[in-house]
Amino acid sequence: MAEKEKTRYTDAELEEFRAIIQEKLDQAFKDYEQMKSAMNNLDGNDITDTSPTFKVLEEGAATMTKEEAGRLAQRQMKFIQHLQAALIRIENKTYGICRETGKLIPKERLRAVPHATLCVEAKGSK
């Protein structure tokens, strides 16, 4: 008799993925806080002690840097939300199931991209 194809990961496997996701989530929150700090210029790198000649250039560069930091912070928050959604899928025992094909996403892919919701085959067809 042929072995039945697995339709979901075991609780032990889900716990392994939970640990990976939690570690990435902790790091993502640290990175996000650093970005927010840079955006709010709490590091004290302002232009108050700069000569007037360079002040305009410095202000322009600071504005661009803040905008870039804002975009990075937004992307980081989106990443955090994806990781949190993956934790919910673990709770629901739907983690690791491709939302297009219904097949299990290979463990290697989930270890590399723990918030993945598509298998490579489905992602490639997009």
N, C-alpha and C. Protein backbone atom coordinates (compact mmCIF):
# COMPACT_ATOMS: atom_id res chain seq x y z
N MET A 1 0.84 -1.19 0.00
CA MET A 1 0.00 0.00 0.00
C MET A 1 0.89 1.25 0.00
N ALA A 2 0.61 2.20 -0.85
CA ALA A 2 1.39 3.43 -0.95
C ALA A 2 1.20 4.29 0.30
N GLU A 3 2.29 4.94 0.70
CA GLU A 3 2.22 5.81 1.88
C GLU A 3 1.38 7.04 1.55
N LYS A 4 0.49 7.38 2.46
CA LYS A 4 -0.39 8.54 2.28
C LYS A 4 0.44 9.83 2.38
N GLU A 5 0.18 10.77 1.47
CA GLU A 5 0.92 12.04 1.48
C GLU A 5 0.52 12.84 2.72
N LYS A 6 1.54 13.40 3.38
CA LYS A 6 1.31 14.20 4.58
C LYS A 6 0.54 15.47 4.22
N THR A 7 -0.47 15.80 5.01
CA THR A 7 -1.27 17.00 4.73
C THR A 7 -0.96 18.15 5.68
N ARG A 8 -0.26 17.86 6.77
CA ARG A 8 0.14 18.93 7.69
C ARG A 8 1.36 18.48 8.49
N TYR A 9 2.04 19.46 9.07
CA TYR A 9 3.21 19.15 9.89
C TYR A 9 2.77 18.68 11.27
N THR A 10 3.60 17.83 11.89
CA THR A 10 3.29 17.31 13.23
C THR A 10 3.45 18.44 14.25
N ASP A 11 2.92 18.22 15.44
CA ASP A 11 3.05 19.22 16.50
C ASP A 11 4.52 19.51 16.81
N ALA A 12 5.35 18.46 16.81
CA ALA A 12 6.79 18.64 17.08
C ALA A 12 7.43 19.50 15.99
N GLU A 13 7.07 19.26 14.75
CA GLU A 13 7.61 20.06 13.65
C GLU A 13 7.12 21.51 13.75
N LEU A 14 5.87 21.68 14.12
CA LEU A 14 5.33 23.04 14.29
C LEU A 14 6.06 23.79 15.40
N GLU A 15 6.42 23.07 16.46
CA GLU A 15 7.17 23.70 17.56
C GLU A 15 8.54 24.15 17.09
N GLU A 16 9.17 23.34 16.23
CA GLU A 16 10.47 23.72 15.67
C GLU A 16 10.33 25.03 14.88
N PHE A 17 9.28 25.10 14.06
CA PHE A 17 9.06 26.31 13.28
C PHE A 17 8.69 27.49 14.18
N ARG A 18 7.94 27.23 15.24
CA ARG A 18 7.58 28.31 16.18
C ARG A 18 8.85 28.94 16.76
N ALA A 19 9.82 28.09 17.14
CA ALA A 19 11.07 28.60 17.71
C ALA A 19 11.83 29.45 16.69
N ILE A 20 11.88 29.00 15.45
CA ILE A 20 12.56 29.76 14.38
C ILE A 20 11.88 31.11 14.20
N ILE A 21 10.55 31.09 14.13
CA ILE A 21 9.79 32.32 13.90
C ILE A 21 9.94 33.28 15.08
N GLN A 22 9.88 32.74 16.30
CA GLN A 22 9.99 33.60 17.48
C GLN A 22 11.35 34.29 17.54
N GLU A 23 12.40 33.55 17.17
CA GLU A 23 13.75 34.13 17.15
C GLU A 23 13.82 35.26 16.11
N LYS A 24 13.26 35.02 14.92
CA LYS A 24 13.25 36.05 13.88
C LYS A 24 12.40 37.25 14.30
N LEU A 25 11.30 36.97 14.99
CA LEU A 25 10.41 38.03 15.45
C LEU A 25 11.11 38.92 16.49
N ASP A 26 11.80 38.29 17.43
CA ASP A 26 12.54 39.06 18.44
C ASP A 26 13.57 39.98 17.78
N GLN A 27 14.31 39.44 16.81
CA GLN A 27 15.32 40.23 16.11
C GLN A 27 14.66 41.33 15.28
N ALA A 28 13.53 41.02 14.66
CA ALA A 28 12.82 42.00 13.83
C ALA A 28 12.34 43.17 14.68
N PHE A 29 11.86 42.90 15.89
CA PHE A 29 11.42 43.98 16.79
C PHE A 29 12.60 44.85 17.20
N LYS A 30 13.75 44.24 17.48
CA LYS A 30 14.96 45.01 17.84
C LYS A 30 15.35 45.92 16.68
N ASP A 31 15.36 45.35 15.47
CA ASP A 31 15.72 46.13 14.29
C ASP A 31 14.73 47.27 14.08
N TYR A 32 13.45 47.00 14.29
CA TYR A 32 12.41 48.02 14.12
C TYR A 32 12.62 49.17 15.11
N GLU A 33 12.93 48.83 16.34
CA GLU A 33 13.16 49.87 17.36
C GLU A 33 14.37 50.73 17.00
N GLN A 34 15.41 50.10 16.45
CA GLN A 34 16.60 50.86 16.01
C GLN A 34 16.23 51.81 14.88
N MET A 35 15.41 51.34 13.96
CA MET A 35 14.99 52.19 12.85
C MET A 35 14.16 53.38 13.35
N LYS A 36 13.26 53.10 14.29
CA LYS A 36 12.44 54.18 14.85
C LYS A 36 13.32 55.19 15.55
N SER A 37 14.30 54.71 16.27
CA SER A 37 15.24 55.58 16.98
C SER A 37 16.00 56.45 16.00
N ALA A 38 16.46 55.86 14.90
CA ALA A 38 17.18 56.62 13.88
C ALA A 38 16.26 57.66 13.24
N MET A 39 15.00 57.27 13.04
CA MET A 39 14.03 58.18 12.43
C MET A 39 13.76 59.38 13.33
N ASN A 40 13.67 59.11 14.60
CA ASN A 40 13.38 60.18 15.56
C ASN A 40 14.64 60.94 15.95
N ASN A 41 15.77 60.52 15.39
CA ASN A 41 17.04 61.17 15.62
C ASN A 41 17.40 61.26 17.10
N LEU A 42 17.16 60.17 17.81
CA LEU A 42 17.46 60.14 19.23
C LEU A 42 18.95 59.91 19.50
N ASP A 43 19.71 59.67 18.44
CA ASP A 43 21.15 59.41 18.60
C ASP A 43 21.94 60.69 18.79
N GLY A 44 21.31 61.84 18.59
CA GLY A 44 21.99 63.11 18.80
C GLY A 44 22.80 63.57 17.60
N ASN A 45 22.65 62.95 16.47
CA ASN A 45 23.38 63.37 15.27
C ASN A 45 22.56 64.42 14.53
N ASP A 46 22.47 65.60 15.10
CA ASP A 46 21.70 66.63 14.42
C ASP A 46 22.65 67.68 13.85
N ILE A 47 22.11 68.78 13.36
CA ILE A 47 22.91 69.77 12.65
C ILE A 47 23.10 71.05 13.46
N THR A 48 22.84 71.03 14.75
CA THR A 48 22.90 72.26 15.54
C THR A 48 24.31 72.82 15.64
N ASP A 49 25.32 71.97 15.51
CA ASP A 49 26.69 72.47 15.63
C ASP A 49 27.41 72.59 14.28
N THR A 50 26.66 72.57 13.21
CA THR A 50 27.24 72.64 11.87
C THR A 50 27.23 74.08 11.38
N SER A 51 28.25 74.46 10.62
CA SER A 51 28.33 75.83 10.10
C SER A 51 27.18 76.06 9.12
N PRO A 52 26.72 77.31 8.98
CA PRO A 52 25.58 77.62 8.11
C PRO A 52 25.77 77.17 6.66
N THR A 53 27.01 77.18 6.17
CA THR A 53 27.27 76.79 4.78
C THR A 53 26.80 75.37 4.51
N PHE A 54 27.08 74.47 5.41
CA PHE A 54 26.74 73.07 5.22
C PHE A 54 25.38 72.69 5.79
N LYS A 55 24.79 73.62 6.53
CA LYS A 55 23.53 73.31 7.21
C LYS A 55 22.43 72.89 6.23
N VAL A 56 22.28 73.59 5.12
CA VAL A 56 21.24 73.28 4.14
C VAL A 56 21.46 71.89 3.56
N LEU A 57 22.70 71.59 3.19
CA LEU A 57 23.01 70.26 2.66
C LEU A 57 22.75 69.18 3.69
N GLU A 58 23.16 69.45 4.91
CA GLU A 58 22.96 68.47 5.99
C GLU A 58 21.47 68.23 6.24
N GLU A 59 20.68 69.31 6.23
CA GLU A 59 19.24 69.17 6.46
C GLU A 59 18.60 68.32 5.36
N GLY A 60 19.02 68.57 4.10
CA GLY A 60 18.50 67.79 2.98
C GLY A 60 18.85 66.32 3.12
N ALA A 61 20.09 66.06 3.48
CA ALA A 61 20.53 64.67 3.66
C ALA A 61 19.79 64.03 4.83
N ALA A 62 19.58 64.79 5.88
CA ALA A 62 18.87 64.25 7.05
C ALA A 62 17.43 63.90 6.69
N THR A 63 16.79 64.76 5.86
CA THR A 63 15.41 64.50 5.45
C THR A 63 15.34 63.22 4.63
N MET A 64 16.29 63.07 3.68
CA MET A 64 16.31 61.85 2.86
C MET A 64 16.55 60.63 3.73
N THR A 65 17.46 60.75 4.68
CA THR A 65 17.77 59.63 5.56
C THR A 65 16.55 59.26 6.40
N LYS A 66 15.84 60.27 6.89
CA LYS A 66 14.64 59.99 7.68
C LYS A 66 13.56 59.32 6.83
N GLU A 67 13.41 59.78 5.59
CA GLU A 67 12.42 59.17 4.69
C GLU A 67 12.78 57.72 4.40
N GLU A 68 14.06 57.49 4.16
CA GLU A 68 14.52 56.13 3.90
C GLU A 68 14.32 55.26 5.14
N ALA A 69 14.65 55.79 6.29
CA ALA A 69 14.46 55.05 7.54
C ALA A 69 12.97 54.75 7.76
N GLY A 70 12.12 55.70 7.37
CA GLY A 70 10.67 55.49 7.49
C GLY A 70 10.19 54.35 6.61
N ARG A 71 10.70 54.31 5.38
CA ARG A 71 10.33 53.23 4.46
C ARG A 71 10.83 51.88 5.00
N LEU A 72 12.07 51.89 5.48
CA LEU A 72 12.62 50.64 6.03
C LEU A 72 11.82 50.18 7.25
N ALA A 73 11.43 51.14 8.09
CA ALA A 73 10.64 50.80 9.27
C ALA A 73 9.28 50.22 8.87
N GLN A 74 8.68 50.77 7.82
CA GLN A 74 7.39 50.25 7.33
C GLN A 74 7.55 48.82 6.83
N ARG A 75 8.62 48.58 6.07
CA ARG A 75 8.87 47.22 5.56
C ARG A 75 9.11 46.26 6.71
N GLN A 76 9.83 46.74 7.72
CA GLN A 76 10.13 45.89 8.88
C GLN A 76 8.84 45.54 9.62
N MET A 77 7.94 46.51 9.76
CA MET A 77 6.67 46.24 10.44
C MET A 77 5.84 45.24 9.65
N LYS A 78 5.88 45.33 8.33
CA LYS A 78 5.16 44.37 7.49
C LYS A 78 5.73 42.97 7.70
N PHE A 79 7.06 42.87 7.77
CA PHE A 79 7.73 41.59 8.03
C PHE A 79 7.29 41.03 9.39
N ILE A 80 7.23 41.89 10.39
CA ILE A 80 6.79 41.48 11.74
C ILE A 80 5.36 40.94 11.68
N GLN A 81 4.50 41.62 10.95
CA GLN A 81 3.11 41.18 10.82
C GLN A 81 3.01 39.83 10.12
N HIS A 82 3.85 39.61 9.11
CA HIS A 82 3.87 38.31 8.43
C HIS A 82 4.32 37.20 9.39
N LEU A 83 5.32 37.50 10.21
CA LEU A 83 5.79 36.51 11.19
C LEU A 83 4.71 36.21 12.22
N GLN A 84 4.01 37.26 12.68
CA GLN A 84 2.93 37.06 13.65
C GLN A 84 1.80 36.23 13.04
N ALA A 85 1.50 36.47 11.77
CA ALA A 85 0.47 35.68 11.09
C ALA A 85 0.89 34.21 10.99
N ALA A 86 2.20 33.99 10.78
CA ALA A 86 2.71 32.61 10.73
C ALA A 86 2.52 31.92 12.07
N LEU A 87 2.73 32.65 13.17
CA LEU A 87 2.50 32.07 14.50
C LEU A 87 1.03 31.69 14.69
N ILE A 88 0.13 32.49 14.16
CA ILE A 88 -1.31 32.19 14.23
C ILE A 88 -1.61 30.92 13.43
N ARG A 89 -0.97 30.80 12.25
CA ARG A 89 -1.17 29.60 11.45
C ARG A 89 -0.65 28.35 12.18
N ILE A 90 0.41 28.52 12.96
CA ILE A 90 0.90 27.39 13.77
C ILE A 90 -0.16 27.01 14.79
N GLU A 91 -0.73 28.00 15.46
CA GLU A 91 -1.79 27.74 16.45
C GLU A 91 -2.97 27.01 15.80
N ASN A 92 -3.32 27.42 14.58
CA ASN A 92 -4.46 26.82 13.86
C ASN A 92 -4.09 25.51 13.17
N LYS A 93 -2.81 25.16 13.25
CA LYS A 93 -2.28 23.94 12.60
C LYS A 93 -2.44 23.97 11.08
N THR A 94 -2.41 25.19 10.53
CA THR A 94 -2.47 25.34 9.07
C THR A 94 -1.13 25.83 8.53
N TYR A 95 -0.15 25.95 9.40
CA TYR A 95 1.17 26.45 9.00
C TYR A 95 1.84 25.48 8.03
N GLY A 96 2.47 26.04 7.01
CA GLY A 96 3.25 25.23 6.08
C GLY A 96 2.44 24.63 4.95
N ILE A 97 1.16 24.99 4.87
CA ILE A 97 0.31 24.49 3.80
C ILE A 97 0.17 25.59 2.75
N CYS A 98 0.54 25.28 1.50
CA CYS A 98 0.49 26.26 0.42
C CYS A 98 -0.96 26.71 0.21
N ARG A 99 -1.17 28.01 0.18
CA ARG A 99 -2.54 28.53 0.03
C ARG A 99 -3.06 28.38 -1.40
N GLU A 100 -2.18 28.07 -2.34
CA GLU A 100 -2.61 27.87 -3.74
C GLU A 100 -2.87 26.39 -4.03
N THR A 101 -1.89 25.54 -3.68
CA THR A 101 -1.97 24.13 -4.07
C THR A 101 -2.54 23.23 -2.97
N GLY A 102 -2.48 23.70 -1.71
CA GLY A 102 -2.93 22.87 -0.59
C GLY A 102 -1.91 21.83 -0.17
N LYS A 103 -0.76 21.82 -0.84
CA LYS A 103 0.31 20.87 -0.50
C LYS A 103 1.20 21.47 0.58
N LEU A 104 1.97 20.59 1.23
CA LEU A 104 2.92 21.08 2.23
C LEU A 104 4.07 21.81 1.56
N ILE A 105 4.42 22.95 2.13
CA ILE A 105 5.60 23.70 1.68
C ILE A 105 6.81 22.97 2.26
N PRO A 106 7.83 22.69 1.47
CA PRO A 106 9.00 21.96 1.98
C PRO A 106 9.64 22.65 3.19
N LYS A 107 10.12 21.83 4.12
CA LYS A 107 10.74 22.36 5.34
C LYS A 107 11.88 23.32 5.03
N GLU A 108 12.68 23.00 4.00
CA GLU A 108 13.83 23.84 3.66
C GLU A 108 13.36 25.26 3.34
N ARG A 109 12.27 25.36 2.60
CA ARG A 109 11.74 26.69 2.25
C ARG A 109 11.26 27.42 3.51
N LEU A 110 10.57 26.69 4.38
CA LEU A 110 10.04 27.32 5.59
C LEU A 110 11.16 27.74 6.55
N ARG A 111 12.24 27.00 6.54
CA ARG A 111 13.38 27.40 7.39
C ARG A 111 14.02 28.68 6.86
N ALA A 112 14.05 28.81 5.53
CA ALA A 112 14.63 30.00 4.90
C ALA A 112 13.67 31.19 4.95
N VAL A 113 12.38 30.92 4.70
CA VAL A 113 11.34 31.97 4.68
C VAL A 113 10.19 31.48 5.56
N PRO A 114 10.32 31.62 6.88
CA PRO A 114 9.34 31.01 7.79
C PRO A 114 7.92 31.56 7.69
N HIS A 115 7.75 32.70 7.05
CA HIS A 115 6.40 33.26 6.90
C HIS A 115 5.79 32.94 5.54
N ALA A 116 6.44 32.06 4.77
CA ALA A 116 5.96 31.70 3.43
C ALA A 116 4.56 31.09 3.48
N THR A 117 3.74 31.45 2.53
CA THR A 117 2.39 30.87 2.42
C THR A 117 2.20 30.17 1.07
N LEU A 118 3.24 30.26 0.23
CA LEU A 118 3.19 29.61 -1.08
C LEU A 118 4.39 28.71 -1.26
N CYS A 119 4.17 27.56 -1.90
CA CYS A 119 5.30 26.70 -2.25
C CYS A 119 5.98 27.34 -3.46
N VAL A 120 7.20 26.91 -3.76
CA VAL A 120 7.96 27.50 -4.86
C VAL A 120 7.20 27.36 -6.18
N GLU A 121 6.57 26.21 -6.37
CA GLU A 121 5.81 25.94 -7.60
C GLU A 121 4.70 26.98 -7.78
N ALA A 122 3.95 27.28 -6.72
CA ALA A 122 2.86 28.26 -6.81
C ALA A 122 3.41 29.68 -6.94
N LYS A 123 4.49 29.97 -6.23
CA LYS A 123 5.10 31.30 -6.28
C LYS A 123 5.65 31.57 -7.69
N GLY A 124 6.20 30.54 -8.31
CA GLY A 124 6.76 30.67 -9.65
C GLY A 124 5.72 30.98 -10.71
N SER A 125 4.47 30.58 -10.46
CA SER A 125 3.41 30.80 -11.46
C SER A 125 2.78 32.18 -11.32
N LYS A 126 3.20 32.95 -10.34
CA LYS A 126 2.64 34.30 -10.12
C LYS A 126 3.31 35.32 -10.98
